[in-house]
Amino acid sequence: MRGTMDYLGKAASLCQEHRVELEKKNYDLAREKIYEAKKSYSDHAETSKFSLAQTLALTGRLHKPLALISKAEGNS
């Protein structure tokens, strides 16, 4: 176990921050926050001994905001 780090709390905070950056159209910063949140979710899954399917279910929620950024940037 890696300690008592609150990975889910950190991920939730980062998700809130990425939403704010999306509203401001700061896409690079929003994308950075999303990837940081994904890392926190992955760390939580690892310390909790999640299966691959459980890990994908947890981190998969971040694919939609990434797609929205690509669409907003004209990369869809």
PDB file of N, CA and C in Angstrom:
ATOM      1  N   MET A   1       0.846  -1.182   0.000  1.00  0.00           N
ATOM      2  CA  MET A   1       0.000   0.000   0.000  1.00  0.00           C
ATOM      3  C   MET A   1       0.889   1.242   0.000  1.00  0.00           C
ATOM      4  N   ARG A   2       0.482   2.250  -0.710  1.00  0.00           N
ATOM      5  CA  ARG A   2       1.284   3.461  -0.854  1.00  0.00           C
ATOM      6  C   ARG A   2       1.094   4.465   0.275  1.00  0.00           C
ATOM      7  N   GLY A   3       0.241   4.201   1.195  1.00  0.00           N
ATOM      8  CA  GLY A   3       0.013   5.162   2.271  1.00  0.00           C
ATOM      9  C   GLY A   3      -1.444   5.570   2.311  1.00  0.00           C
ATOM     10  N   THR A   4      -1.689   6.726   2.865  1.00  0.00           N
ATOM     11  CA  THR A   4      -3.064   7.143   3.094  1.00  0.00           C
ATOM     12  C   THR A   4      -3.515   8.237   2.123  1.00  0.00           C
ATOM     13  N   MET A   5      -2.855   8.348   0.993  1.00  0.00           N
ATOM     14  CA  MET A   5      -3.212   9.372   0.010  1.00  0.00           C
ATOM     15  C   MET A   5      -4.669   9.214  -0.414  1.00  0.00           C
ATOM     16  N   ASP A   6      -5.391  10.304  -0.439  1.00  0.00           N
ATOM     17  CA  ASP A   6      -6.788  10.299  -0.866  1.00  0.00           C
ATOM     18  C   ASP A   6      -6.848  10.525  -2.378  1.00  0.00           C
ATOM     19  N   TYR A   7      -6.622   9.468  -3.128  1.00  0.00           N
ATOM     20  CA  TYR A   7      -6.581   9.575  -4.583  1.00  0.00           C
ATOM     21  C   TYR A   7      -7.920  10.002  -5.169  1.00  0.00           C
ATOM     22  N   LEU A   8      -9.018   9.498  -4.617  1.00  0.00           N
ATOM     23  CA  LEU A   8     -10.335   9.858  -5.150  1.00  0.00           C
ATOM     24  C   LEU A   8     -10.663  11.320  -4.870  1.00  0.00           C
ATOM     25  N   GLY A   9     -10.292  11.804  -3.705  1.00  0.00           N
ATOM     26  CA  GLY A   9     -10.504  13.216  -3.388  1.00  0.00           C
ATOM     27  C   GLY A   9      -9.705  14.115  -4.314  1.00  0.00           C
ATOM     28  N   LYS A  10      -8.459  13.728  -4.569  1.00  0.00           N
ATOM     29  CA  LYS A  10      -7.607  14.500  -5.476  1.00  0.00           C
ATOM     30  C   LYS A  10      -8.198  14.490  -6.881  1.00  0.00           C
ATOM     31  N   ALA A  11      -8.655  13.319  -7.333  1.00  0.00           N
ATOM     32  CA  ALA A  11      -9.245  13.210  -8.667  1.00  0.00           C
ATOM     33  C   ALA A  11     -10.501  14.065  -8.776  1.00  0.00           C
ATOM     34  N   ALA A  12     -11.325  14.062  -7.753  1.00  0.00           N
ATOM     35  CA  ALA A  12     -12.549  14.869  -7.763  1.00  0.00           C
ATOM     36  C   ALA A  12     -12.220  16.356  -7.865  1.00  0.00           C
ATOM     37  N   SER A  13     -11.218  16.774  -7.124  1.00  0.00           N
ATOM     38  CA  SER A  13     -10.800  18.175  -7.176  1.00  0.00           C
ATOM     39  C   SER A  13     -10.275  18.538  -8.566  1.00  0.00           C
ATOM     40  N   LEU A  14      -9.470  17.657  -9.147  1.00  0.00           N
ATOM     41  CA  LEU A  14      -8.934  17.890 -10.490  1.00  0.00           C
ATOM     42  C   LEU A  14     -10.041  17.922 -11.538  1.00  0.00           C
ATOM     43  N   CYS A  15     -11.046  17.088 -11.369  1.00  0.00           N
ATOM     44  CA  CYS A  15     -12.170  17.089 -12.314  1.00  0.00           C
ATOM     45  C   CYS A  15     -12.931  18.412 -12.239  1.00  0.00           C
ATOM     46  N   GLN A  16     -13.105  18.932 -11.052  1.00  0.00           N
ATOM     47  CA  GLN A  16     -13.747  20.236 -10.905  1.00  0.00           C
ATOM     48  C   GLN A  16     -12.901  21.311 -11.577  1.00  0.00           C
ATOM     49  N   GLU A  17     -11.597  21.248 -11.381  1.00  0.00           N
ATOM     50  CA  GLU A  17     -10.696  22.225 -11.986  1.00  0.00           C
ATOM     51  C   GLU A  17     -10.731  22.141 -13.515  1.00  0.00           C
ATOM     52  N   HIS A  18     -10.799  20.922 -14.060  1.00  0.00           N
ATOM     53  CA  HIS A  18     -10.823  20.823 -15.528  1.00  0.00           C
ATOM     54  C   HIS A  18     -12.117  21.393 -16.089  1.00  0.00           C
ATOM     55  N   ARG A  19     -13.214  21.264 -15.359  1.00  0.00           N
ATOM     56  CA  ARG A  19     -14.477  21.850 -15.824  1.00  0.00           C
ATOM     57  C   ARG A  19     -14.383  23.376 -15.886  1.00  0.00           C
ATOM     58  N   VAL A  20     -13.746  23.957 -14.888  1.00  0.00           N
ATOM     59  CA  VAL A  20     -13.563  25.413 -14.868  1.00  0.00           C
ATOM     60  C   VAL A  20     -12.713  25.846 -16.051  1.00  0.00           C
ATOM     61  N   GLU A  21     -11.638  25.122 -16.306  1.00  0.00           N
ATOM     62  CA  GLU A  21     -10.753  25.463 -17.426  1.00  0.00           C
ATOM     63  C   GLU A  21     -11.455  25.280 -18.769  1.00  0.00           C
ATOM     64  N   LEU A  22     -12.319  24.287 -18.870  1.00  0.00           N
ATOM     65  CA  LEU A  22     -13.107  24.104 -20.104  1.00  0.00           C
ATOM     66  C   LEU A  22     -14.003  25.303 -20.353  1.00  0.00           C
ATOM     67  N   GLU A  23     -14.652  25.783 -19.297  1.00  0.00           N
ATOM     68  CA  GLU A  23     -15.525  26.955 -19.431  1.00  0.00           C
ATOM     69  C   GLU A  23     -14.746  28.179 -19.890  1.00  0.00           C
ATOM     70  N   LYS A  24     -13.497  28.279 -19.457  1.00  0.00           N
ATOM     71  CA  LYS A  24     -12.639  29.400 -19.845  1.00  0.00           C
ATOM     72  C   LYS A  24     -11.977  29.179 -21.215  1.00  0.00           C
ATOM     73  N   LYS A  25     -12.206  27.992 -21.788  1.00  0.00           N
ATOM     74  CA  LYS A  25     -11.599  27.597 -23.066  1.00  0.00           C
ATOM     75  C   LYS A  25     -10.075  27.492 -22.976  1.00  0.00           C
ATOM     76  N   ASN A  26      -9.591  27.175 -21.787  1.00  0.00           N
ATOM     77  CA  ASN A  26      -8.174  26.888 -21.578  1.00  0.00           C
ATOM     78  C   ASN A  26      -7.974  25.381 -21.780  1.00  0.00           C
ATOM     79  N   TYR A  27      -7.984  24.963 -23.036  1.00  0.00           N
ATOM     80  CA  TYR A  27      -8.022  23.537 -23.349  1.00  0.00           C
ATOM     81  C   TYR A  27      -6.766  22.786 -22.931  1.00  0.00           C
ATOM     82  N   ASP A  28      -5.605  23.394 -23.074  1.00  0.00           N
ATOM     83  CA  ASP A  28      -4.377  22.712 -22.668  1.00  0.00           C
ATOM     84  C   ASP A  28      -4.370  22.445 -21.167  1.00  0.00           C
ATOM     85  N   LEU A  29      -4.764  23.434 -20.393  1.00  0.00           N
ATOM     86  CA  LEU A  29      -4.805  23.270 -18.943  1.00  0.00           C
ATOM     87  C   LEU A  29      -5.897  22.277 -18.536  1.00  0.00           C
ATOM     88  N   ALA A  30      -7.035  22.327 -19.203  1.00  0.00           N
ATOM     89  CA  ALA A  30      -8.110  21.370 -18.920  1.00  0.00           C
ATOM     90  C   ALA A  30      -7.634  19.946 -19.196  1.00  0.00           C
ATOM     91  N   ARG A  31      -6.950  19.761 -20.321  1.00  0.00           N
ATOM     92  CA  ARG A  31      -6.438  18.435 -20.692  1.00  0.00           C
ATOM     93  C   ARG A  31      -5.429  17.948 -19.641  1.00  0.00           C
ATOM     94  N   GLU A  32      -4.577  18.843 -19.187  1.00  0.00           N
ATOM     95  CA  GLU A  32      -3.590  18.496 -18.160  1.00  0.00           C
ATOM     96  C   GLU A  32      -4.280  18.031 -16.881  1.00  0.00           C
ATOM     97  N   LYS A  33      -5.316  18.748 -16.479  1.00  0.00           N
ATOM     98  CA  LYS A  33      -6.058  18.376 -15.262  1.00  0.00           C
ATOM     99  C   LYS A  33      -6.729  17.012 -15.429  1.00  0.00           C
ATOM    100  N   ILE A  34      -7.245  16.740 -16.630  1.00  0.00           N
ATOM    101  CA  ILE A  34      -7.883  15.449 -16.891  1.00  0.00           C
ATOM    102  C   ILE A  34      -6.871  14.322 -16.760  1.00  0.00           C
ATOM    103  N   TYR A  35      -5.683  14.499 -17.337  1.00  0.00           N
ATOM    104  CA  TYR A  35      -4.663  13.460 -17.246  1.00  0.00           C
ATOM    105  C   TYR A  35      -4.170  13.266 -15.814  1.00  0.00           C
ATOM    106  N   GLU A  36      -4.103  14.335 -15.044  1.00  0.00           N
ATOM    107  CA  GLU A  36      -3.745  14.219 -13.629  1.00  0.00           C
ATOM    108  C   GLU A  36      -4.825  13.454 -12.867  1.00  0.00           C
ATOM    109  N   ALA A  37      -6.084  13.739 -13.187  1.00  0.00           N
ATOM    110  CA  ALA A  37      -7.195  13.018 -12.544  1.00  0.00           C
ATOM    111  C   ALA A  37      -7.138  11.540 -12.906  1.00  0.00           C
ATOM    112  N   LYS A  38      -6.842  11.244 -14.165  1.00  0.00           N
ATOM    113  CA  LYS A  38      -6.749   9.846 -14.601  1.00  0.00           C
ATOM    114  C   LYS A  38      -5.643   9.128 -13.830  1.00  0.00           C
ATOM    115  N   LYS A  39      -4.531   9.804 -13.589  1.00  0.00           N
ATOM    116  CA  LYS A  39      -3.439   9.222 -12.804  1.00  0.00           C
ATOM    117  C   LYS A  39      -3.896   8.956 -11.374  1.00  0.00           C
ATOM    118  N   SER A  40      -4.634   9.881 -10.788  1.00  0.00           N
ATOM    119  CA  SER A  40      -5.141   9.677  -9.428  1.00  0.00           C
ATOM    120  C   SER A  40      -6.116   8.510  -9.366  1.00  0.00           C
ATOM    121  N   TYR A  41      -7.006   8.423 -10.353  1.00  0.00           N
ATOM    122  CA  TYR A  41      -7.921   7.274 -10.414  1.00  0.00           C
ATOM    123  C   TYR A  41      -7.146   5.977 -10.554  1.00  0.00           C
ATOM    124  N   SER A  42      -6.124   5.976 -11.401  1.00  0.00           N
ATOM    125  CA  SER A  42      -5.312   4.769 -11.604  1.00  0.00           C
ATOM    126  C   SER A  42      -4.566   4.383 -10.330  1.00  0.00           C
ATOM    127  N   ASP A  43      -4.050   5.372  -9.627  1.00  0.00           N
ATOM    128  CA  ASP A  43      -3.365   5.098  -8.354  1.00  0.00           C
ATOM    129  C   ASP A  43      -4.325   4.508  -7.339  1.00  0.00           C
ATOM    130  N   HIS A  44      -5.535   5.040  -7.291  1.00  0.00           N
ATOM    131  CA  HIS A  44      -6.541   4.488  -6.380  1.00  0.00           C
ATOM    132  C   HIS A  44      -6.847   3.039  -6.750  1.00  0.00           C
ATOM    133  N   ALA A  45      -7.021   2.800  -8.040  1.00  0.00           N
ATOM    134  CA  ALA A  45      -7.334   1.440  -8.498  1.00  0.00           C
ATOM    135  C   ALA A  45      -6.204   0.475  -8.141  1.00  0.00           C
ATOM    136  N   GLU A  46      -4.968   0.932  -8.289  1.00  0.00           N
ATOM    137  CA  GLU A  46      -3.821   0.076  -7.972  1.00  0.00           C
ATOM    138  C   GLU A  46      -3.758  -0.247  -6.485  1.00  0.00           C
ATOM    139  N   THR A  47      -3.905   0.777  -5.643  1.00  0.00           N
ATOM    140  CA  THR A  47      -3.815   0.536  -4.202  1.00  0.00           C
ATOM    141  C   THR A  47      -5.002  -0.276  -3.692  1.00  0.00           C
ATOM    142  N   SER A  48      -6.123  -0.187  -4.396  1.00  0.00           N
ATOM    143  CA  SER A  48      -7.316  -0.937  -3.998  1.00  0.00           C
ATOM    144  C   SER A  48      -7.393  -2.301  -4.666  1.00  0.00           C
ATOM    145  N   LYS A  49      -6.382  -2.610  -5.477  1.00  0.00           N
ATOM    146  CA  LYS A  49      -6.296  -3.895  -6.175  1.00  0.00           C
ATOM    147  C   LYS A  49      -7.508  -4.145  -7.076  1.00  0.00           C
ATOM    148  N   PHE A  50      -7.888  -3.095  -7.830  1.00  0.00           N
ATOM    149  CA  PHE A  50      -8.991  -3.224  -8.784  1.00  0.00           C
ATOM    150  C   PHE A  50      -8.587  -4.154  -9.916  1.00  0.00           C
ATOM    151  N   SER A  51      -9.569  -4.795 -10.509  1.00  0.00           N
ATOM    152  CA  SER A  51      -9.335  -5.568 -11.726  1.00  0.00           C
ATOM    153  C   SER A  51      -9.169  -4.583 -12.887  1.00  0.00           C
ATOM    154  N   LEU A  52      -8.728  -5.088 -14.023  1.00  0.00           N
ATOM    155  CA  LEU A  52      -8.583  -4.236 -15.203  1.00  0.00           C
ATOM    156  C   LEU A  52      -9.929  -3.617 -15.582  1.00  0.00           C
ATOM    157  N   ALA A  53     -10.981  -4.423 -15.575  1.00  0.00           N
ATOM    158  CA  ALA A  53     -12.311  -3.922 -15.933  1.00  0.00           C
ATOM    159  C   ALA A  53     -12.761  -2.814 -14.969  1.00  0.00           C
ATOM    160  N   GLN A  54     -12.509  -2.999 -13.685  1.00  0.00           N
ATOM    161  CA  GLN A  54     -12.879  -1.976 -12.700  1.00  0.00           C
ATOM    162  C   GLN A  54     -12.072  -0.691 -12.906  1.00  0.00           C
ATOM    163  N   THR A  55     -10.797  -0.852 -13.225  1.00  0.00           N
ATOM    164  CA  THR A  55      -9.939   0.316 -13.472  1.00  0.00           C
ATOM    165  C   THR A  55     -10.420   1.080 -14.696  1.00  0.00           C
ATOM    166  N   LEU A  56     -10.745   0.360 -15.766  1.00  0.00           N
ATOM    167  CA  LEU A  56     -11.243   1.014 -16.978  1.00  0.00           C
ATOM    168  C   LEU A  56     -12.578   1.708 -16.734  1.00  0.00           C
ATOM    169  N   ALA A  57     -13.424   1.109 -15.926  1.00  0.00           N
ATOM    170  CA  ALA A  57     -14.712   1.738 -15.605  1.00  0.00           C
ATOM    171  C   ALA A  57     -14.492   3.044 -14.840  1.00  0.00           C
ATOM    172  N   LEU A  58     -13.505   3.067 -13.969  1.00  0.00           N
ATOM    173  CA  LEU A  58     -13.218   4.268 -13.180  1.00  0.00           C
ATOM    174  C   LEU A  58     -12.583   5.359 -14.032  1.00  0.00           C
ATOM    175  N   THR A  59     -11.589   5.003 -14.831  1.00  0.00           N
ATOM    176  CA  THR A  59     -10.874   6.002 -15.631  1.00  0.00           C
ATOM    177  C   THR A  59     -11.623   6.374 -16.905  1.00  0.00           C
ATOM    178  N   GLY A  60     -12.517   5.528 -17.350  1.00  0.00           N
ATOM    179  CA  GLY A  60     -13.242   5.761 -18.602  1.00  0.00           C
ATOM    180  C   GLY A  60     -14.112   6.994 -18.590  1.00  0.00           C
ATOM    181  N   ARG A  61     -14.500   7.450 -17.423  1.00  0.00           N
ATOM    182  CA  ARG A  61     -15.349   8.640 -17.317  1.00  0.00           C
ATOM    183  C   ARG A  61     -14.654   9.896 -17.834  1.00  0.00           C
ATOM    184  N   LEU A  62     -13.340   9.817 -18.017  1.00  0.00           N
ATOM    185  CA  LEU A  62     -12.584  10.985 -18.465  1.00  0.00           C
ATOM    186  C   LEU A  62     -12.460  11.070 -19.983  1.00  0.00           C
ATOM    187  N   HIS A  63     -12.933  10.067 -20.694  1.00  0.00           N
ATOM    188  CA  HIS A  63     -12.816  10.088 -22.155  1.00  0.00           C
ATOM    189  C   HIS A  63     -13.738  11.119 -22.790  1.00  0.00           C
ATOM    190  N   LYS A  64     -14.914  11.308 -22.223  1.00  0.00           N
ATOM    191  CA  LYS A  64     -15.853  12.279 -22.794  1.00  0.00           C
ATOM    192  C   LYS A  64     -15.306  13.706 -22.741  1.00  0.00           C
ATOM    193  N   PRO A  65     -14.783  14.171 -21.605  1.00  0.00           N
ATOM    194  CA  PRO A  65     -14.235  15.532 -21.605  1.00  0.00           C
ATOM    195  C   PRO A  65     -13.058  15.687 -22.566  1.00  0.00           C
ATOM    196  N   LEU A  66     -12.249  14.638 -22.724  1.00  0.00           N
ATOM    197  CA  LEU A  66     -11.148  14.712 -23.698  1.00  0.00           C
ATOM    198  C   LEU A  66     -11.692  14.838 -25.111  1.00  0.00           C
ATOM    199  N   ALA A  67     -12.759  14.114 -25.405  1.00  0.00           N
ATOM    200  CA  ALA A  67     -13.387  14.206 -26.729  1.00  0.00           C
ATOM    201  C   ALA A  67     -13.978  15.600 -26.951  1.00  0.00           C
ATOM    202  N   LEU A  68     -14.569  16.170 -25.913  1.00  0.00           N
ATOM    203  CA  LEU A  68     -15.121  17.518 -26.027  1.00  0.00           C
ATOM    204  C   LEU A  68     -14.029  18.548 -26.322  1.00  0.00           C
ATOM    205  N   ILE A  69     -12.870  18.373 -25.718  1.00  0.00           N
ATOM    206  CA  ILE A  69     -11.754  19.277 -25.992  1.00  0.00           C
ATOM    207  C   ILE A  69     -11.318  19.135 -27.443  1.00  0.00           C
ATOM    208  N   SER A  70     -11.178  17.910 -27.908  1.00  0.00           N
ATOM    209  CA  SER A  70     -10.781  17.694 -29.321  1.00  0.00           C
ATOM    210  C   SER A  70     -11.793  18.317 -30.264  1.00  0.00           C
ATOM    211  N   LYS A  71     -13.057  18.148 -29.957  1.00  0.00           N
ATOM    212  CA  LYS A  71     -14.104  18.726 -30.807  1.00  0.00           C
ATOM    213  C   LYS A  71     -14.019  20.254 -30.798  1.00  0.00           C
ATOM    214  N   ALA A  72     -13.846  20.834 -29.624  1.00  0.00           N
ATOM    215  CA  ALA A  72     -13.769  22.290 -29.508  1.00  0.00           C
ATOM    216  C   ALA A  72     -12.552  22.850 -30.247  1.00  0.00           C
ATOM    217  N   GLU A  73     -11.497  22.069 -30.298  1.00  0.00           N
ATOM    218  CA  GLU A  73     -10.279  22.497 -30.996  1.00  0.00           C
ATOM    219  C   GLU A  73     -10.342  22.188 -32.497  1.00  0.00           C
ATOM    220  N   GLY A  74     -11.434  21.559 -32.923  1.00  0.00           N
ATOM    221  CA  GLY A  74     -11.586  21.235 -34.335  1.00  0.00           C
ATOM    222  C   GLY A  74     -10.860  19.976 -34.767  1.00  0.00           C
ATOM    223  N   ASN A  75     -10.587  19.086 -33.809  1.00  0.00           N
ATOM    224  CA  ASN A  75      -9.872  17.844 -34.099  1.00  0.00           C
ATOM    225  C   ASN A  75     -10.775  16.632 -34.125  1.00  0.00           C
ATOM    226  N   SER A  76     -12.060  16.820 -34.274  1.00  0.00           N
ATOM    227  CA  SER A  76     -12.979  15.679 -34.208  1.00  0.00           C
ATOM    228  C   SER A  76     -13.017  14.900 -35.493  1.00  0.00           C
TER     229      SER A  76
END
